[in-house]
Amino acid sequence: MRATQILRSGGELPIGKYGHYLNKDTWGHLGTVLPHKGFTEYKISANRQNLFAGAAHDAIFNTWRRFRMQVFYFAPPFLIAYYTMDWAIKRNEYLNSKEGRAEANE
């Protein structure tokens, strides 16, 4: 049987003596079914971990660090916009005042 017929038939494609790489049962477990050699995995039980250890401390200092690094990107446009609006409001109030109308009519 040719390889294309095996692939098109939907059957399992055995690869060597270790089984197969892809099929409907092991999708997501790409590779052989045997464990890898020389790969050490260490785990700790979920109920033995201290999940929020230092979370408040890290949140405060990480927030300050991120703010400090980004403040020069967002503060100047806000300051420029604030002072521009402040100038525009004062100028509008002056031009609509008695003195401003007298100046405009001269």
PDB file of N, CA and C in Angstrom:
ATOM      1  N   MET A   1       0.843  -1.174   0.000  1.00  0.00           N
ATOM      2  CA  MET A   1       0.000   0.000   0.000  1.00  0.00           C
ATOM      3  C   MET A   1       0.890   1.239   0.000  1.00  0.00           C
ATOM      4  N   ARG A   2       0.538   2.225  -0.805  1.00  0.00           N
ATOM      5  CA  ARG A   2       1.325   3.449  -0.897  1.00  0.00           C
ATOM      6  C   ARG A   2       1.031   4.361   0.292  1.00  0.00           C
ATOM      7  N   ALA A   3       1.963   5.251   0.600  1.00  0.00           N
ATOM      8  CA  ALA A   3       1.818   6.142   1.755  1.00  0.00           C
ATOM      9  C   ALA A   3       0.645   7.091   1.595  1.00  0.00           C
ATOM     10  N   THR A   4       0.375   7.559   0.373  1.00  0.00           N
ATOM     11  CA  THR A   4      -0.734   8.483   0.182  1.00  0.00           C
ATOM     12  C   THR A   4      -2.062   7.811   0.459  1.00  0.00           C
ATOM     13  N   GLN A   5      -2.177   6.533   0.136  1.00  0.00           N
ATOM     14  CA  GLN A   5      -3.415   5.826   0.424  1.00  0.00           C
ATOM     15  C   GLN A   5      -3.612   5.684   1.929  1.00  0.00           C
ATOM     16  N   ILE A   6      -2.547   5.474   2.666  1.00  0.00           N
ATOM     17  CA  ILE A   6      -2.657   5.358   4.115  1.00  0.00           C
ATOM     18  C   ILE A   6      -3.103   6.692   4.706  1.00  0.00           C
ATOM     19  N   LEU A   7      -2.502   7.790   4.229  1.00  0.00           N
ATOM     20  CA  LEU A   7      -2.858   9.097   4.747  1.00  0.00           C
ATOM     21  C   LEU A   7      -4.290   9.470   4.411  1.00  0.00           C
ATOM     22  N   ARG A   8      -4.734   9.137   3.203  1.00  0.00           N
ATOM     23  CA  ARG A   8      -6.090   9.481   2.790  1.00  0.00           C
ATOM     24  C   ARG A   8      -7.134   8.575   3.415  1.00  0.00           C
ATOM     25  N   SER A   9      -6.749   7.420   3.829  1.00  0.00           N
ATOM     26  CA  SER A   9      -7.737   6.488   4.358  1.00  0.00           C
ATOM     27  C   SER A   9      -8.161   6.847   5.773  1.00  0.00           C
ATOM     28  N   GLY A  10      -7.419   7.724   6.438  1.00  0.00           N
ATOM     29  CA  GLY A  10      -7.777   8.101   7.795  1.00  0.00           C
ATOM     30  C   GLY A  10      -7.286   7.126   8.824  1.00  0.00           C
ATOM     31  N   GLY A  11      -6.566   6.111   8.389  1.00  0.00           N
ATOM     32  CA  GLY A  11      -6.044   5.134   9.330  1.00  0.00           C
ATOM     33  C   GLY A  11      -4.838   5.667  10.072  1.00  0.00           C
ATOM     34  N   GLU A  12      -4.404   4.922  11.032  1.00  0.00           N
ATOM     35  CA  GLU A  12      -3.260   5.322  11.828  1.00  0.00           C
ATOM     36  C   GLU A  12      -1.983   4.999  11.064  1.00  0.00           C
ATOM     37  N   LEU A  13      -1.010   5.895  11.157  1.00  0.00           N
ATOM     38  CA  LEU A  13       0.241   5.731  10.455  1.00  0.00           C
ATOM     39  C   LEU A  13       1.316   5.389  11.466  1.00  0.00           C
ATOM     40  N   PRO A  14       1.671   4.114  11.603  1.00  0.00           N
ATOM     41  CA  PRO A  14       2.702   3.760  12.565  1.00  0.00           C
ATOM     42  C   PRO A  14       4.071   4.227  12.086  1.00  0.00           C
ATOM     43  N   ILE A  15       4.871   4.681  13.038  1.00  0.00           N
ATOM     44  CA  ILE A  15       6.221   5.132  12.714  1.00  0.00           C
ATOM     45  C   ILE A  15       7.172   4.374  13.609  1.00  0.00           C
ATOM     46  N   GLY A  16       7.901   3.480  13.042  1.00  0.00           N
ATOM     47  CA  GLY A  16       8.907   2.732  13.771  1.00  0.00           C
ATOM     48  C   GLY A  16       8.316   1.855  14.862  1.00  0.00           C
ATOM     49  N   LYS A  17       9.184   1.403  15.764  1.00  0.00           N
ATOM     50  CA  LYS A  17       8.743   0.490  16.812  1.00  0.00           C
ATOM     51  C   LYS A  17       8.143   1.214  18.001  1.00  0.00           C
ATOM     52  N   TYR A  18       8.214   2.572  18.032  1.00  0.00           N
ATOM     53  CA  TYR A  18       7.709   3.318  19.184  1.00  0.00           C
ATOM     54  C   TYR A  18       6.267   3.767  19.038  1.00  0.00           C
ATOM     55  N   GLY A  19       5.608   3.384  18.011  1.00  0.00           N
ATOM     56  CA  GLY A  19       4.204   3.758  17.871  1.00  0.00           C
ATOM     57  C   GLY A  19       4.016   4.767  16.765  1.00  0.00           C
ATOM     58  N   HIS A  20       3.263   5.800  17.072  1.00  0.00           N
ATOM     59  CA  HIS A  20       2.896   6.770  16.046  1.00  0.00           C
ATOM     60  C   HIS A  20       3.027   8.185  16.592  1.00  0.00           C
ATOM     61  N   TYR A  21       3.053   9.159  15.683  1.00  0.00           N
ATOM     62  CA  TYR A  21       3.196  10.553  16.092  1.00  0.00           C
ATOM     63  C   TYR A  21       1.848  11.242  16.221  1.00  0.00           C
ATOM     64  N   LEU A  22       1.006  11.161  15.227  1.00  0.00           N
ATOM     65  CA  LEU A  22      -0.275  11.864  15.254  1.00  0.00           C
ATOM     66  C   LEU A  22      -1.420  10.892  15.031  1.00  0.00           C
ATOM     67  N   ASN A  23      -2.412  11.021  15.860  1.00  0.00           N
ATOM     68  CA  ASN A  23      -3.691  10.387  15.609  1.00  0.00           C
ATOM     69  C   ASN A  23      -4.739  11.093  16.452  1.00  0.00           C
ATOM     70  N   LYS A  24      -5.959  10.635  16.385  1.00  0.00           N
ATOM     71  CA  LYS A  24      -7.034  11.337  17.093  1.00  0.00           C
ATOM     72  C   LYS A  24      -6.922  11.182  18.609  1.00  0.00           C
ATOM     73  N   ASP A  25      -6.202  10.179  19.124  1.00  0.00           N
ATOM     74  CA  ASP A  25      -6.109   9.974  20.566  1.00  0.00           C
ATOM     75  C   ASP A  25      -4.980  10.773  21.201  1.00  0.00           C
ATOM     76  N   THR A  26      -3.903  11.002  20.481  1.00  0.00           N
ATOM     77  CA  THR A  26      -2.752  11.675  21.072  1.00  0.00           C
ATOM     78  C   THR A  26      -2.526  13.051  20.486  1.00  0.00           C
ATOM     79  N   TRP A  27      -3.540  13.684  19.931  1.00  0.00           N
ATOM     80  CA  TRP A  27      -3.376  15.038  19.417  1.00  0.00           C
ATOM     81  C   TRP A  27      -3.073  15.966  20.587  1.00  0.00           C
ATOM     82  N   GLY A  28      -2.040  16.732  20.476  1.00  0.00           N
ATOM     83  CA  GLY A  28      -1.593  17.547  21.582  1.00  0.00           C
ATOM     84  C   GLY A  28      -0.388  16.954  22.260  1.00  0.00           C
ATOM     85  N   HIS A  29      -0.151  15.661  22.068  1.00  0.00           N
ATOM     86  CA  HIS A  29       1.047  15.007  22.569  1.00  0.00           C
ATOM     87  C   HIS A  29       1.910  14.679  21.360  1.00  0.00           C
ATOM     88  N   LEU A  30       2.442  15.735  20.728  1.00  0.00           N
ATOM     89  CA  LEU A  30       3.221  15.518  19.520  1.00  0.00           C
ATOM     90  C   LEU A  30       4.537  14.854  19.887  1.00  0.00           C
ATOM     91  N   GLY A  31       4.901  13.850  19.185  1.00  0.00           N
ATOM     92  CA  GLY A  31       6.123  13.129  19.470  1.00  0.00           C
ATOM     93  C   GLY A  31       5.824  11.716  19.922  1.00  0.00           C
ATOM     94  N   THR A  32       6.818  11.072  20.431  1.00  0.00           N
ATOM     95  CA  THR A  32       6.652   9.682  20.829  1.00  0.00           C
ATOM     96  C   THR A  32       5.905   9.607  22.155  1.00  0.00           C
ATOM     97  N   VAL A  33       5.429   8.424  22.449  1.00  0.00           N
ATOM     98  CA  VAL A  33       4.707   8.224  23.695  1.00  0.00           C
ATOM     99  C   VAL A  33       5.661   7.910  24.843  1.00  0.00           C
ATOM    100  N   LEU A  34       6.930   7.681  24.542  1.00  0.00           N
ATOM    101  CA  LEU A  34       7.905   7.401  25.588  1.00  0.00           C
ATOM    102  C   LEU A  34       8.403   8.716  26.182  1.00  0.00           C
ATOM    103  N   PRO A  35       8.771   8.726  27.446  1.00  0.00           N
ATOM    104  CA  PRO A  35       9.296   9.965  28.039  1.00  0.00           C
ATOM    105  C   PRO A  35      10.658  10.313  27.447  1.00  0.00           C
ATOM    106  N   HIS A  36      10.995  11.581  27.485  1.00  0.00           N
ATOM    107  CA  HIS A  36      12.271  12.046  26.951  1.00  0.00           C
ATOM    108  C   HIS A  36      13.396  11.671  27.901  1.00  0.00           C
ATOM    109  N   LYS A  37      14.535  11.337  27.347  1.00  0.00           N
ATOM    110  CA  LYS A  37      15.687  11.020  28.184  1.00  0.00           C
ATOM    111  C   LYS A  37      16.400  12.301  28.577  1.00  0.00           C
ATOM    112  N   GLY A  38      16.875  12.364  29.804  1.00  0.00           N
ATOM    113  CA  GLY A  38      17.635  13.502  30.272  1.00  0.00           C
ATOM    114  C   GLY A  38      16.796  14.725  30.584  1.00  0.00           C
ATOM    115  N   PHE A  39      15.503  14.601  30.661  1.00  0.00           N
ATOM    116  CA  PHE A  39      14.609  15.718  30.952  1.00  0.00           C
ATOM    117  C   PHE A  39      14.066  15.536  32.360  1.00  0.00           C
ATOM    118  N   THR A  40      14.472  16.406  33.267  1.00  0.00           N
ATOM    119  CA  THR A  40      14.040  16.308  34.651  1.00  0.00           C
ATOM    120  C   THR A  40      12.977  17.364  34.906  1.00  0.00           C
ATOM    121  N   GLU A  41      11.901  16.965  35.516  1.00  0.00           N
ATOM    122  CA  GLU A  41      10.797  17.883  35.784  1.00  0.00           C
ATOM    123  C   GLU A  41      10.518  17.868  37.276  1.00  0.00           C
ATOM    124  N   TYR A  42      10.510  19.057  37.857  1.00  0.00           N
ATOM    125  CA  TYR A  42      10.231  19.201  39.281  1.00  0.00           C
ATOM    126  C   TYR A  42       8.885  19.887  39.455  1.00  0.00           C
ATOM    127  N   LYS A  43       8.090  19.395  40.367  1.00  0.00           N
ATOM    128  CA  LYS A  43       6.773  19.965  40.613  1.00  0.00           C
ATOM    129  C   LYS A  43       6.558  20.099  42.102  1.00  0.00           C
ATOM    130  N   ILE A  44       5.695  21.055  42.452  1.00  0.00           N
ATOM    131  CA  ILE A  44       5.279  21.204  43.843  1.00  0.00           C
ATOM    132  C   ILE A  44       3.753  21.193  43.848  1.00  0.00           C
ATOM    133  N   SER A  45       3.208  20.619  44.859  1.00  0.00           N
ATOM    134  CA  SER A  45       1.768  20.528  44.952  1.00  0.00           C
ATOM    135  C   SER A  45       1.151  21.920  45.034  1.00  0.00           C
ATOM    136  N   ALA A  46      -0.023  22.093  44.448  1.00  0.00           N
ATOM    137  CA  ALA A  46      -0.675  23.399  44.425  1.00  0.00           C
ATOM    138  C   ALA A  46      -1.035  23.884  45.821  1.00  0.00           C
ATOM    139  N   ASN A  47      -1.375  22.966  46.719  1.00  0.00           N
ATOM    140  CA  ASN A  47      -1.742  23.400  48.069  1.00  0.00           C
ATOM    141  C   ASN A  47      -0.517  23.636  48.950  1.00  0.00           C
ATOM    142  N   ARG A  48       0.687  23.394  48.456  1.00  0.00           N
ATOM    143  CA  ARG A  48       1.910  23.672  49.208  1.00  0.00           C
ATOM    144  C   ARG A  48       2.523  25.009  48.811  1.00  0.00           C
ATOM    145  N   GLN A  49       1.989  25.646  47.784  1.00  0.00           N
ATOM    146  CA  GLN A  49       2.537  26.909  47.318  1.00  0.00           C
ATOM    147  C   GLN A  49       1.908  28.069  48.072  1.00  0.00           C
ATOM    148  N   ASN A  50       2.673  29.135  48.266  1.00  0.00           N
ATOM    149  CA  ASN A  50       2.163  30.375  48.826  1.00  0.00           C
ATOM    150  C   ASN A  50       1.919  31.304  47.646  1.00  0.00           C
ATOM    151  N   LEU A  51       0.694  31.330  47.155  1.00  0.00           N
ATOM    152  CA  LEU A  51       0.398  31.984  45.893  1.00  0.00           C
ATOM    153  C   LEU A  51       0.588  33.490  45.931  1.00  0.00           C
ATOM    154  N   PHE A  52       0.267  34.128  47.049  1.00  0.00           N
ATOM    155  CA  PHE A  52       0.333  35.586  47.111  1.00  0.00           C
ATOM    156  C   PHE A  52       1.512  36.076  47.938  1.00  0.00           C
ATOM    157  N   ALA A  53       2.578  35.314  47.985  1.00  0.00           N
ATOM    158  CA  ALA A  53       3.756  35.719  48.742  1.00  0.00           C
ATOM    159  C   ALA A  53       4.375  36.947  48.090  1.00  0.00           C
ATOM    160  N   GLY A  54       4.393  38.055  48.806  1.00  0.00           N
ATOM    161  CA  GLY A  54       4.993  39.286  48.312  1.00  0.00           C
ATOM    162  C   GLY A  54       4.187  39.985  47.244  1.00  0.00           C
ATOM    163  N   ALA A  55       2.935  39.642  47.065  1.00  0.00           N
ATOM    164  CA  ALA A  55       2.142  40.232  45.988  1.00  0.00           C
ATOM    165  C   ALA A  55       1.902  41.715  46.226  1.00  0.00           C
ATOM    166  N   ALA A  56       1.588  42.120  47.455  1.00  0.00           N
ATOM    167  CA  ALA A  56       1.330  43.535  47.738  1.00  0.00           C
ATOM    168  C   ALA A  56       2.605  44.351  47.565  1.00  0.00           C
ATOM    169  N   HIS A  57       3.705  43.854  48.073  1.00  0.00           N
ATOM    170  CA  HIS A  57       4.984  44.551  47.941  1.00  0.00           C
ATOM    171  C   HIS A  57       5.368  44.691  46.478  1.00  0.00           C
ATOM    172  N   ASP A  58       5.269  43.610  45.725  1.00  0.00           N
ATOM    173  CA  ASP A  58       5.624  43.648  44.318  1.00  0.00           C
ATOM    174  C   ASP A  58       4.674  44.539  43.523  1.00  0.00           C
ATOM    175  N   ALA A  59       3.402  44.550  43.892  1.00  0.00           N
ATOM    176  CA  ALA A  59       2.437  45.381  43.171  1.00  0.00           C
ATOM    177  C   ALA A  59       2.764  46.855  43.342  1.00  0.00           C
ATOM    178  N   ILE A  60       3.123  47.261  44.542  1.00  0.00           N
ATOM    179  CA  ILE A  60       3.435  48.672  44.783  1.00  0.00           C
ATOM    180  C   ILE A  60       4.686  49.080  44.025  1.00  0.00           C
ATOM    181  N   PHE A  61       5.753  48.350  44.183  1.00  0.00           N
ATOM    182  CA  PHE A  61       7.015  48.744  43.572  1.00  0.00           C
ATOM    183  C   PHE A  61       7.032  48.516  42.067  1.00  0.00           C
ATOM    184  N   ASN A  62       6.350  47.491  41.586  1.00  0.00           N
ATOM    185  CA  ASN A  62       6.272  47.282  40.140  1.00  0.00           C
ATOM    186  C   ASN A  62       5.433  48.381  39.493  1.00  0.00           C
ATOM    187  N   THR A  63       4.352  48.784  40.154  1.00  0.00           N
ATOM    188  CA  THR A  63       3.532  49.874  39.624  1.00  0.00           C
ATOM    189  C   THR A  63       4.339  51.163  39.577  1.00  0.00           C
ATOM    190  N   TRP A  64       5.087  51.460  40.634  1.00  0.00           N
ATOM    191  CA  TRP A  64       5.917  52.664  40.644  1.00  0.00           C
ATOM    192  C   TRP A  64       6.990  52.613  39.553  1.00  0.00           C
ATOM    193  N   ARG A  65       7.616  51.466  39.375  1.00  0.00           N
ATOM    194  CA  ARG A  65       8.647  51.333  38.352  1.00  0.00           C
ATOM    195  C   ARG A  65       8.066  51.547  36.961  1.00  0.00           C
ATOM    196  N   ARG A  66       6.912  50.964  36.686  1.00  0.00           N
ATOM    197  CA  ARG A  66       6.293  51.116  35.377  1.00  0.00           C
ATOM    198  C   ARG A  66       5.826  52.544  35.144  1.00  0.00           C
ATOM    199  N   PHE A  67       5.285  53.181  36.191  1.00  0.00           N
ATOM    200  CA  PHE A  67       4.862  54.571  36.070  1.00  0.00           C
ATOM    201  C   PHE A  67       6.062  55.474  35.784  1.00  0.00           C
ATOM    202  N   ARG A  68       7.130  55.259  36.532  1.00  0.00           N
ATOM    203  CA  ARG A  68       8.326  56.079  36.382  1.00  0.00           C
ATOM    204  C   ARG A  68       8.915  55.950  34.977  1.00  0.00           C
ATOM    205  N   MET A  69       8.845  54.757  34.386  1.00  0.00           N
ATOM    206  CA  MET A  69       9.417  54.548  33.066  1.00  0.00           C
ATOM    207  C   MET A  69       8.531  55.126  31.951  1.00  0.00           C
ATOM    208  N   GLN A  70       7.242  55.299  32.200  1.00  0.00           N
ATOM    209  CA  GLN A  70       6.322  55.737  31.153  1.00  0.00           C
ATOM    210  C   GLN A  70       5.866  57.182  31.300  1.00  0.00           C
ATOM    211  N   VAL A  71       6.166  57.850  32.423  1.00  0.00           N
ATOM    212  CA  VAL A  71       5.599  59.165  32.697  1.00  0.00           C
ATOM    213  C   VAL A  71       6.033  60.197  31.654  1.00  0.00           C
ATOM    214  N   PHE A  72       7.214  60.109  31.128  1.00  0.00           N
ATOM    215  CA  PHE A  72       7.675  61.088  30.147  1.00  0.00           C
ATOM    216  C   PHE A  72       7.075  60.867  28.763  1.00  0.00           C
ATOM    217  N   TYR A  73       6.360  59.763  28.576  1.00  0.00           N
ATOM    218  CA  TYR A  73       5.662  59.545  27.314  1.00  0.00           C
ATOM    219  C   TYR A  73       4.255  60.125  27.339  1.00  0.00           C
ATOM    220  N   PHE A  74       3.562  60.078  28.484  1.00  0.00           N
ATOM    221  CA  PHE A  74       2.193  60.554  28.497  1.00  0.00           C
ATOM    222  C   PHE A  74       2.005  61.888  29.208  1.00  0.00           C
ATOM    223  N   ALA A  75       2.901  62.317  30.098  1.00  0.00           N
ATOM    224  CA  ALA A  75       2.720  63.566  30.836  1.00  0.00           C
ATOM    225  C   ALA A  75       2.886  64.811  29.962  1.00  0.00           C
ATOM    226  N   PRO A  76       3.898  64.938  29.110  1.00  0.00           N
ATOM    227  CA  PRO A  76       4.036  66.160  28.313  1.00  0.00           C
ATOM    228  C   PRO A  76       2.823  66.500  27.446  1.00  0.00           C
ATOM    229  N   PRO A  77       2.221  65.555  26.729  1.00  0.00           N
ATOM    230  CA  PRO A  77       1.017  65.924  25.969  1.00  0.00           C
ATOM    231  C   PRO A  77      -0.129  66.386  26.863  1.00  0.00           C
ATOM    232  N   PHE A  78      -0.288  65.777  28.040  1.00  0.00           N
ATOM    233  CA  PHE A  78      -1.340  66.209  28.951  1.00  0.00           C
ATOM    234  C   PHE A  78      -1.071  67.609  29.480  1.00  0.00           C
ATOM    235  N   LEU A  79       0.184  67.897  29.808  1.00  0.00           N
ATOM    236  CA  LEU A  79       0.524  69.235  30.289  1.00  0.00           C
ATOM    237  C   LEU A  79       0.322  70.282  29.199  1.00  0.00           C
ATOM    238  N   ILE A  80       0.737  69.976  27.987  1.00  0.00           N
ATOM    239  CA  ILE A  80       0.532  70.903  26.874  1.00  0.00           C
ATOM    240  C   ILE A  80      -0.955  71.138  26.647  1.00  0.00           C
ATOM    241  N   ALA A  81      -1.744  70.098  26.660  1.00  0.00           N
ATOM    242  CA  ALA A  81      -3.193  70.242  26.466  1.00  0.00           C
ATOM    243  C   ALA A  81      -3.827  71.043  27.599  1.00  0.00           C
ATOM    244  N   TYR A  82      -3.383  70.808  28.835  1.00  0.00           N
ATOM    245  CA  TYR A  82      -3.950  71.530  29.973  1.00  0.00           C
ATOM    246  C   TYR A  82      -3.654  73.022  29.877  1.00  0.00           C
ATOM    247  N   TYR A  83      -2.402  73.375  29.613  1.00  0.00           N
ATOM    248  CA  TYR A  83      -2.044  74.786  29.535  1.00  0.00           C
ATOM    249  C   TYR A  83      -2.643  75.458  28.307  1.00  0.00           C
ATOM    250  N   THR A  84      -2.806  74.738  27.209  1.00  0.00           N
ATOM    251  CA  THR A  84      -3.470  75.292  26.033  1.00  0.00           C
ATOM    252  C   THR A  84      -4.938  75.584  26.327  1.00  0.00           C
ATOM    253  N   MET A  85      -5.616  74.650  26.983  1.00  0.00           N
ATOM    254  CA  MET A  85      -7.023  74.874  27.340  1.00  0.00           C
ATOM    255  C   MET A  85      -7.156  76.002  28.349  1.00  0.00           C
ATOM    256  N   ASP A  86      -6.248  76.081  29.316  1.00  0.00           N
ATOM    257  CA  ASP A  86      -6.279  77.154  30.306  1.00  0.00           C
ATOM    258  C   ASP A  86      -6.107  78.508  29.619  1.00  0.00           C
ATOM    259  N   TRP A  87      -5.153  78.613  28.690  1.00  0.00           N
ATOM    260  CA  TRP A  87      -4.954  79.856  27.948  1.00  0.00           C
ATOM    261  C   TRP A  87      -6.184  80.201  27.116  1.00  0.00           C
ATOM    262  N   ALA A  88      -6.769  79.188  26.440  1.00  0.00           N
ATOM    263  CA  ALA A  88      -7.928  79.429  25.582  1.00  0.00           C
ATOM    264  C   ALA A  88      -9.133  79.895  26.403  1.00  0.00           C
ATOM    265  N   ILE A  89      -9.349  79.314  27.570  1.00  0.00           N
ATOM    266  CA  ILE A  89     -10.481  79.714  28.418  1.00  0.00           C
ATOM    267  C   ILE A  89     -10.290  81.143  28.908  1.00  0.00           C
ATOM    268  N   LYS A  90      -9.091  81.467  29.370  1.00  0.00           N
ATOM    269  CA  LYS A  90      -8.827  82.835  29.843  1.00  0.00           C
ATOM    270  C   LYS A  90      -8.935  83.846  28.704  1.00  0.00           C
ATOM    271  N   ARG A  91      -8.435  83.499  27.538  1.00  0.00           N
ATOM    272  CA  ARG A  91      -8.513  84.396  26.386  1.00  0.00           C
ATOM    273  C   ARG A  91      -9.962  84.603  25.968  1.00  0.00           C
ATOM    274  N   ASN A  92     -10.751  83.552  25.990  1.00  0.00           N
ATOM    275  CA  ASN A  92     -12.172  83.659  25.644  1.00  0.00           C
ATOM    276  C   ASN A  92     -12.907  84.541  26.644  1.00  0.00           C
ATOM    277  N   GLU A  93     -12.622  84.353  27.932  1.00  0.00           N
ATOM    278  CA  GLU A  93     -13.267  85.189  28.940  1.00  0.00           C
ATOM    279  C   GLU A  93     -12.865  86.654  28.770  1.00  0.00           C
ATOM    280  N   TYR A  94     -11.611  86.917  28.440  1.00  0.00           N
ATOM    281  CA  TYR A  94     -11.158  88.291  28.237  1.00  0.00           C
ATOM    282  C   TYR A  94     -11.830  88.920  27.015  1.00  0.00           C
ATOM    283  N   LEU A  95     -11.868  88.168  25.904  1.00  0.00           N
ATOM    284  CA  LEU A  95     -12.459  88.727  24.691  1.00  0.00           C
ATOM    285  C   LEU A  95     -13.956  88.974  24.829  1.00  0.00           C
ATOM    286  N   ASN A  96     -14.622  88.238  25.710  1.00  0.00           N
ATOM    287  CA  ASN A  96     -16.051  88.442  25.929  1.00  0.00           C
ATOM    288  C   ASN A  96     -16.326  89.405  27.085  1.00  0.00           C
ATOM    289  N   SER A  97     -15.279  89.988  27.631  1.00  0.00           N
ATOM    290  CA  SER A  97     -15.461  90.970  28.699  1.00  0.00           C
ATOM    291  C   SER A  97     -15.569  92.359  28.098  1.00  0.00           C
ATOM    292  N   LYS A  98     -15.859  93.347  28.941  1.00  0.00           N
ATOM    293  CA  LYS A  98     -15.992  94.733  28.493  1.00  0.00           C
ATOM    294  C   LYS A  98     -14.678  95.238  27.891  1.00  0.00           C
ATOM    295  N   GLU A  99     -13.550  94.933  28.558  1.00  0.00           N
ATOM    296  CA  GLU A  99     -12.256  95.377  28.066  1.00  0.00           C
ATOM    297  C   GLU A  99     -11.891  94.694  26.740  1.00  0.00           C
ATOM    298  N   GLY A 100     -12.186  93.435  26.622  1.00  0.00           N
ATOM    299  CA  GLY A 100     -11.867  92.706  25.404  1.00  0.00           C
ATOM    300  C   GLY A 100     -12.679  93.181  24.215  1.00  0.00           C
ATOM    301  N   ARG A 101     -13.960  93.508  24.423  1.00  0.00           N
ATOM    302  CA  ARG A 101     -14.791  94.024  23.337  1.00  0.00           C
ATOM    303  C   ARG A 101     -14.333  95.409  22.924  1.00  0.00           C
ATOM    304  N   ALA A 102     -13.898  96.167  23.907  1.00  0.00           N
ATOM    305  CA  ALA A 102     -13.400  97.512  23.573  1.00  0.00           C
ATOM    306  C   ALA A 102     -12.117  97.405  22.759  1.00  0.00           C
ATOM    307  N   GLU A 103     -11.275  96.448  23.089  1.00  0.00           N
ATOM    308  CA  GLU A 103     -10.036  96.244  22.339  1.00  0.00           C
ATOM    309  C   GLU A 103     -10.321  95.773  20.923  1.00  0.00           C
ATOM    310  N   ALA A 104     -11.298  94.896  20.757  1.00  0.00           N
ATOM    311  CA  ALA A 104     -11.625  94.351  19.441  1.00  0.00           C
ATOM    312  C   ALA A 104     -12.258  95.422  18.551  1.00  0.00           C
ATOM    313  N   ASN A 105     -12.990  96.390  19.103  1.00  0.00           N
ATOM    314  CA  ASN A 105     -13.654  97.405  18.309  1.00  0.00           C
ATOM    315  C   ASN A 105     -12.707  98.527  17.887  1.00  0.00           C
ATOM    316  N   GLU A 106     -11.545  98.645  18.472  1.00  0.00           N
ATOM    317  CA  GLU A 106     -10.608  99.714  18.117  1.00  0.00           C
ATOM    318  C   GLU A 106      -9.933  99.503  16.825  1.00  0.00           C
TER     319      GLU A 106
END
